[in-house]
Amino acid sequence: MMKSRIAAVHRALELGVNFLDTADVYGAGHSERVLARALAGRRQQVVIATKFGNQFDENSKQVTGISADPDYVPPSVRSVTAAFGHRVY
């Protein structure tokens, strides 16, 4: 399943797609992990947009809450950027 998703991203890049939209809640983080693997060595080819605010349990894949608290922003950003191999302080 992961191979076909990565292949789909690669095909999109071949066709000229250069903007990808994701969110940590899509597949309880799975979407961002797929994109990170698919974009290995190609990260500079695309702009990635993400969203956050929904809190979820990765094991059950259920939304457990919503947070608009400013304290929720930094760990969310760190999580997303870490998936793509970047560090944010």
C-alpha atoms as a PDB file:
ATOM      1  CA  MET A   1       0.000   0.000   0.000  1.00  0.00           C
ATOM      2  CA  MET A   2       2.813   2.431   0.889  1.00  0.00           C
ATOM      3  CA  LYS A   3       4.550   1.697  -2.441  1.00  0.00           C
ATOM      4  CA  SER A   4       1.485   2.645  -4.461  1.00  0.00           C
ATOM      5  CA  ARG A   5       1.049   5.887  -2.520  1.00  0.00           C
ATOM      6  CA  ILE A   6       4.690   6.818  -3.024  1.00  0.00           C
ATOM      7  CA  ALA A   7       4.377   5.951  -6.730  1.00  0.00           C
ATOM      8  CA  ALA A   8       1.329   8.233  -6.964  1.00  0.00           C
ATOM      9  CA  VAL A   9       3.302  11.134  -5.473  1.00  0.00           C
ATOM     10  CA  HIS A  10       6.213  10.453  -7.841  1.00  0.00           C
ATOM     11  CA  ARG A  11       3.835  10.442 -10.807  1.00  0.00           C
ATOM     12  CA  ALA A  12       2.307  13.714  -9.674  1.00  0.00           C
ATOM     13  CA  LEU A  13       5.782  15.259  -9.563  1.00  0.00           C
ATOM     14  CA  GLU A  14       6.512  13.930 -13.066  1.00  0.00           C
ATOM     15  CA  LEU A  15       3.325  15.614 -14.270  1.00  0.00           C
ATOM     16  CA  GLY A  16       4.421  18.938 -12.811  1.00  0.00           C
ATOM     17  CA  VAL A  17       2.605  19.039  -9.484  1.00  0.00           C
ATOM     18  CA  ASN A  18       4.628  21.240  -7.143  1.00  0.00           C
ATOM     19  CA  PHE A  19       2.158  22.011  -4.332  1.00  0.00           C
ATOM     20  CA  LEU A  20       1.106  19.346  -1.838  1.00  0.00           C
ATOM     21  CA  ASP A  21      -1.427  19.839   0.930  1.00  0.00           C
ATOM     22  CA  THR A  22      -1.499  17.613   4.004  1.00  0.00           C
ATOM     23  CA  ALA A  23      -2.408  17.631   7.679  1.00  0.00           C
ATOM     24  CA  ASP A  24      -1.308  15.684  10.711  1.00  0.00           C
ATOM     25  CA  VAL A  25      -4.831  14.355  11.162  1.00  0.00           C
ATOM     26  CA  TYR A  26      -4.960  12.747   7.684  1.00  0.00           C
ATOM     27  CA  GLY A  27      -4.493   9.093   8.558  1.00  0.00           C
ATOM     28  CA  ALA A  28      -3.345  10.099  12.047  1.00  0.00           C
ATOM     29  CA  GLY A  29      -0.028  11.321  10.645  1.00  0.00           C
ATOM     30  CA  HIS A  30       0.239   8.672   7.922  1.00  0.00           C
ATOM     31  CA  SER A  31      -0.176  11.176   5.081  1.00  0.00           C
ATOM     32  CA  GLU A  32       2.834  13.189   6.222  1.00  0.00           C
ATOM     33  CA  ARG A  33       4.943  10.039   6.656  1.00  0.00           C
ATOM     34  CA  VAL A  34       4.055   8.927   3.110  1.00  0.00           C
ATOM     35  CA  LEU A  35       4.947  12.336   1.706  1.00  0.00           C
ATOM     36  CA  ALA A  36       8.218  12.401   3.629  1.00  0.00           C
ATOM     37  CA  ARG A  37       9.253   9.064   2.135  1.00  0.00           C
ATOM     38  CA  ALA A  38       8.031   9.966  -1.340  1.00  0.00           C
ATOM     39  CA  LEU A  39       9.864  13.283  -1.302  1.00  0.00           C
ATOM     40  CA  ALA A  40      13.197  11.945  -0.024  1.00  0.00           C
ATOM     41  CA  GLY A  41      15.789  13.622  -2.231  1.00  0.00           C
ATOM     42  CA  ARG A  42      13.079  15.677  -3.968  1.00  0.00           C
ATOM     43  CA  ARG A  43      11.916  17.934  -1.165  1.00  0.00           C
ATOM     44  CA  GLN A  44      13.067  21.112  -2.916  1.00  0.00           C
ATOM     45  CA  GLN A  45      10.732  20.390  -5.849  1.00  0.00           C
ATOM     46  CA  VAL A  46       7.548  21.147  -3.930  1.00  0.00           C
ATOM     47  CA  VAL A  47       5.810  23.492  -1.579  1.00  0.00           C
ATOM     48  CA  ILE A  48       4.083  21.671   1.263  1.00  0.00           C
ATOM     49  CA  ALA A  49       1.094  23.132   3.081  1.00  0.00           C
ATOM     50  CA  THR A  50      -0.112  21.615   6.319  1.00  0.00           C
ATOM     51  CA  LYS A  51      -2.712  22.273   8.946  1.00  0.00           C
ATOM     52  CA  PHE A  52      -3.022  21.421  12.602  1.00  0.00           C
ATOM     53  CA  GLY A  53      -5.374  21.923  15.487  1.00  0.00           C
ATOM     54  CA  ASN A  54      -7.171  18.615  15.611  1.00  0.00           C
ATOM     55  CA  GLN A  55      -5.741  16.412  18.307  1.00  0.00           C
ATOM     56  CA  PHE A  56      -5.923  12.683  17.751  1.00  0.00           C
ATOM     57  CA  ASP A  57      -4.877   9.332  19.084  1.00  0.00           C
ATOM     58  CA  GLU A  58      -2.453   7.697  16.614  1.00  0.00           C
ATOM     59  CA  ASN A  59      -3.392   4.191  17.721  1.00  0.00           C
ATOM     60  CA  SER A  60      -7.168   4.509  17.414  1.00  0.00           C
ATOM     61  CA  LYS A  61      -6.932   7.165  14.671  1.00  0.00           C
ATOM     62  CA  GLN A  62      -9.740   9.029  16.431  1.00  0.00           C
ATOM     63  CA  VAL A  63      -9.911  12.781  16.911  1.00  0.00           C
ATOM     64  CA  THR A  64      -9.741  13.434  20.639  1.00  0.00           C
ATOM     65  CA  GLY A  65     -10.056  17.196  20.666  1.00  0.00           C
ATOM     66  CA  ILE A  66      -9.339  20.509  19.025  1.00  0.00           C
ATOM     67  CA  SER A  67      -6.754  23.013  20.115  1.00  0.00           C
ATOM     68  CA  ALA A  68      -6.363  26.613  19.038  1.00  0.00           C
ATOM     69  CA  ASP A  69      -4.077  27.237  22.003  1.00  0.00           C
ATOM     70  CA  PRO A  70      -0.891  29.085  20.999  1.00  0.00           C
ATOM     71  CA  ASP A  71       1.070  26.531  23.053  1.00  0.00           C
ATOM     72  CA  TYR A  72      -0.124  23.809  20.660  1.00  0.00           C
ATOM     73  CA  VAL A  73       1.510  25.467  17.627  1.00  0.00           C
ATOM     74  CA  PRO A  74       5.238  24.854  18.314  1.00  0.00           C
ATOM     75  CA  PRO A  75       4.983  21.091  18.971  1.00  0.00           C
ATOM     76  CA  SER A  76       2.718  20.712  15.934  1.00  0.00           C
ATOM     77  CA  VAL A  77       5.177  22.520  13.691  1.00  0.00           C
ATOM     78  CA  ARG A  78       8.094  20.508  15.115  1.00  0.00           C
ATOM     79  CA  SER A  79       6.221  17.271  14.442  1.00  0.00           C
ATOM     80  CA  VAL A  80       5.488  18.156  10.822  1.00  0.00           C
ATOM     81  CA  THR A  81       8.959  19.415  10.059  1.00  0.00           C
ATOM     82  CA  ALA A  82      10.548  16.391  11.734  1.00  0.00           C
ATOM     83  CA  ALA A  83       8.594  14.116   9.399  1.00  0.00           C
ATOM     84  CA  PHE A  84      10.327  15.870   6.518  1.00  0.00           C
ATOM     85  CA  GLY A  85      13.744  15.835   8.141  1.00  0.00           C
ATOM     86  CA  HIS A  86      13.840  19.477   9.173  1.00  0.00           C
ATOM     87  CA  ARG A  87      14.335  20.958  12.602  1.00  0.00           C
ATOM     88  CA  VAL A  88      12.471  23.945  14.002  1.00  0.00           C
ATOM     89  CA  TYR A  89      13.475  25.420  17.320  1.00  0.00           C
END
